[in-house]
Amino acid sequence: MGVPLYVALYTTEVSGDYYWALVVGDNICDRVTAYQIKKGSPCGAGWLKGDKKNAGLEASRTFLCCVQLPTVHKTKQALEAFITQVPAVPDDRNALDSHDEWSCAQWVVDVIRRLCEDKSIKPDLGKSSWEGVYFRIVVLVQDYQRGAQFEMVGNIPVLQYPVWEEEEED
């Protein structure tokens, strides 16, 4: 038994920069919960959980696409509970060297890392590096924006996260 997990990506004002969220379940064309963090007030509140319940992905004018990760070996409810327990703030284990500041992308990669450590996602996607997980998703999205063809689920472009031979189970 497993549950699909997607990284939902949205455009931002900065070219090549994306806003990241997580979406759980089979019915991404329906209303879903987008698990995300958002930057707090400019007065230094840091990052806060900002889950958006009952969200229609394609209704957002900034929605770009989803990247489907390997199946998560948890129930839908257990996966949703797991995601909500991941803190919105950085620690010494979850910051990516490629980023100067904490971000929604790093939080999503941190959730993926924790799911792999929990053995809920197999193979371990970060076997080579967590930076690699981040960059694989970015490259997929850039290829999509340059016109590469990908699967459509309803009106939602779904890109498959590549699992390479070195990551497969021994």
Protein backbone atom coordinates (compact mmCIF):
# COMPACT_ATOMS: atom_id res chain seq x y z
CA MET A 1 0.00 0.00 0.00
CA GLY A 2 1.27 3.43 -0.80
CA VAL A 3 0.26 7.02 -1.37
CA PRO A 4 1.33 9.35 -4.19
CA LEU A 5 3.26 12.45 -3.11
CA TYR A 6 3.76 15.45 -5.37
CA VAL A 7 5.85 18.59 -5.25
CA ALA A 8 3.64 21.40 -6.54
CA LEU A 9 5.61 24.23 -8.10
CA TYR A 10 4.50 27.78 -8.67
CA THR A 11 6.14 30.64 -10.53
CA THR A 12 7.48 33.66 -8.66
CA GLU A 13 8.54 37.15 -9.70
CA VAL A 14 12.12 35.88 -10.04
CA SER A 15 12.88 33.98 -13.27
CA GLY A 16 14.07 30.43 -12.51
CA ASP A 17 12.89 30.62 -8.90
CA TYR A 18 9.86 28.59 -7.80
CA TYR A 19 7.54 28.38 -4.84
CA TRP A 20 7.32 24.77 -3.54
CA ALA A 21 4.54 22.90 -1.71
CA LEU A 22 3.59 19.24 -1.14
CA VAL A 23 0.35 17.59 -2.25
CA VAL A 24 -0.73 14.12 -1.05
CA GLY A 25 -3.00 11.64 -2.80
CA ASP A 26 -4.38 10.38 -6.09
CA ASN A 27 -6.84 13.12 -6.94
CA ILE A 28 -4.65 16.14 -7.66
CA CYS A 29 -7.30 17.48 -10.04
CA ASP A 30 -9.72 17.78 -7.12
CA ARG A 31 -9.45 20.17 -4.22
CA VAL A 32 -6.40 19.20 -2.16
CA THR A 33 -4.37 20.39 0.79
CA ALA A 34 -1.13 22.07 -0.25
CA TYR A 35 1.37 21.59 2.58
CA GLN A 36 3.68 24.57 2.60
CA ILE A 37 5.61 27.09 4.61
CA LYS A 38 5.49 30.83 4.12
CA LYS A 39 7.80 33.61 5.09
CA GLY A 40 6.47 35.47 8.13
CA SER A 41 6.15 39.22 8.44
CA PRO A 42 8.98 41.49 7.31
CA CYS A 43 9.58 42.20 10.99
CA GLY A 44 11.46 38.91 11.30
CA ALA A 45 8.82 36.34 12.22
CA GLY A 46 10.74 33.74 10.19
CA TRP A 47 8.95 30.90 8.42
CA LEU A 48 5.50 29.63 9.39
CA LYS A 49 3.29 26.73 8.35
CA GLY A 50 0.78 27.93 5.79
CA ASP A 51 -1.07 24.83 4.65
CA LYS A 52 -3.76 25.69 2.15
CA LYS A 53 -6.78 23.43 2.56
CA ASN A 54 -9.28 22.83 -0.22
CA ALA A 55 -6.92 24.29 -2.83
CA GLY A 56 -7.54 23.84 -6.53
CA LEU A 57 -4.05 23.66 -8.04
CA GLU A 58 -4.96 24.75 -11.54
CA ALA A 59 -7.09 27.62 -10.20
CA SER A 60 -3.95 29.45 -9.06
CA ARG A 61 -2.60 31.77 -11.75
CA THR A 62 0.96 31.01 -10.59
CA PHE A 63 0.64 27.19 -10.57
CA LEU A 64 3.14 25.62 -12.97
CA CYS A 65 3.24 21.83 -12.54
CA CYS A 66 3.62 18.89 -10.15
CA VAL A 67 6.57 16.53 -9.78
CA GLN A 68 5.47 13.06 -8.71
CA LEU A 69 7.85 11.41 -6.25
CA PRO A 70 8.12 7.64 -5.70
CA THR A 71 5.19 6.17 -3.77
CA VAL A 72 5.22 6.79 -0.02
CA HIS A 73 4.69 3.65 2.07
CA LYS A 74 2.25 5.10 4.60
CA THR A 75 -1.49 5.61 4.69
CA LYS A 76 -2.75 8.98 3.47
CA GLN A 77 -3.62 10.02 7.01
CA ALA A 78 -0.23 8.92 8.39
CA LEU A 79 1.60 10.79 5.61
CA GLU A 80 -0.39 13.97 6.19
CA ALA A 81 0.32 13.75 9.94
CA PHE A 82 4.03 13.16 9.22
CA ILE A 83 4.26 16.24 6.97
CA THR A 84 2.51 18.49 9.48
CA GLN A 85 5.06 17.49 12.15
CA VAL A 86 8.07 18.69 10.14
CA PRO A 87 9.09 22.09 11.56
CA ALA A 88 8.99 25.17 9.33
CA VAL A 89 12.39 26.30 10.61
CA PRO A 90 15.90 25.18 9.66
CA ASP A 91 18.24 23.16 11.80
CA ASP A 92 21.84 22.05 11.33
CA ARG A 93 20.77 19.00 9.27
CA ASN A 94 18.36 20.40 6.73
CA ALA A 95 19.91 23.48 5.10
CA LEU A 96 21.09 23.12 1.51
CA ASP A 97 24.51 24.56 0.70
CA SER A 98 23.17 26.02 -2.57
CA HIS A 99 20.89 28.41 -0.65
CA ASP A 100 21.92 31.47 1.35
CA GLU A 101 18.62 31.53 3.25
CA TRP A 102 15.98 29.02 4.38
CA SER A 103 13.18 28.54 1.85
CA CYS A 104 10.05 26.58 1.00
CA ALA A 105 12.15 24.44 -1.37
CA GLN A 106 14.48 23.46 1.45
CA TRP A 107 11.52 22.58 3.67
CA VAL A 108 10.09 20.29 0.96
CA VAL A 109 13.49 18.60 0.52
CA ASP A 110 13.69 18.23 4.31
CA VAL A 111 10.30 16.45 4.35
CA ILE A 112 11.53 14.13 1.56
CA ARG A 113 14.77 13.48 3.50
CA ARG A 114 12.82 12.56 6.64
CA LEU A 115 10.52 10.24 4.67
CA CYS A 116 13.57 8.48 3.19
CA GLU A 117 15.21 8.19 6.63
CA ASP A 118 11.92 6.76 7.91
CA LYS A 119 12.10 4.23 5.01
CA SER A 120 8.70 5.47 3.82
CA ILE A 121 10.14 6.37 0.41
CA LYS A 122 12.28 3.74 -1.28
CA PRO A 123 14.77 4.02 -2.78
CA ASP A 124 16.56 6.61 -0.67
CA LEU A 125 16.46 9.60 -3.02
CA GLY A 126 19.23 11.39 -1.15
CA LYS A 127 21.72 8.55 -1.41
CA SER A 128 23.93 10.77 -3.58
CA SER A 129 22.97 14.10 -1.95
CA TRP A 130 20.01 16.21 -0.89
CA GLU A 131 21.32 19.00 -3.14
CA GLY A 132 20.87 16.49 -5.98
CA VAL A 133 17.20 16.00 -5.08
CA TYR A 134 16.67 19.77 -5.21
CA PHE A 135 18.46 20.18 -8.54
CA ARG A 136 16.73 17.20 -10.20
CA ILE A 137 13.36 18.81 -9.49
CA VAL A 138 14.53 22.22 -10.74
CA VAL A 139 15.93 20.70 -13.97
CA LEU A 140 12.67 18.81 -14.60
CA VAL A 141 10.68 22.03 -14.24
CA GLN A 142 13.06 23.97 -16.47
CA ASP A 143 12.78 21.25 -19.15
CA TYR A 144 8.99 21.49 -18.88
CA GLN A 145 9.13 25.27 -19.28
CA ARG A 146 11.30 24.84 -22.39
CA GLY A 147 8.58 22.70 -23.96
CA ALA A 148 9.46 19.12 -23.04
CA GLN A 149 6.41 16.86 -23.12
CA PHE A 150 5.11 15.37 -19.89
CA GLU A 151 2.04 13.47 -18.71
CA MET A 152 -1.15 15.42 -18.12
CA VAL A 153 -3.52 14.48 -15.30
CA GLY A 154 -6.63 16.43 -16.20
CA ASN A 155 -5.22 19.90 -16.85
CA ILE A 156 -2.26 19.41 -14.52
CA PRO A 157 1.19 18.70 -15.97
CA VAL A 158 2.80 15.90 -13.94
CA LEU A 159 6.54 15.32 -14.23
CA GLN A 160 7.99 12.03 -12.94
CA TYR A 161 10.90 12.31 -10.53
CA PRO A 162 13.77 10.27 -12.03
CA VAL A 163 15.08 7.41 -9.92
CA TRP A 164 18.52 6.42 -11.12
CA GLU A 165 20.17 3.04 -10.90
CA GLU A 166 22.50 3.96 -8.01
CA GLU A 167 19.46 4.75 -5.86
CA GLU A 168 17.61 1.50 -6.46
CA GLU A 169 17.36 -1.04 -3.66
CA ASP A 170 20.31 -3.35 -3.17
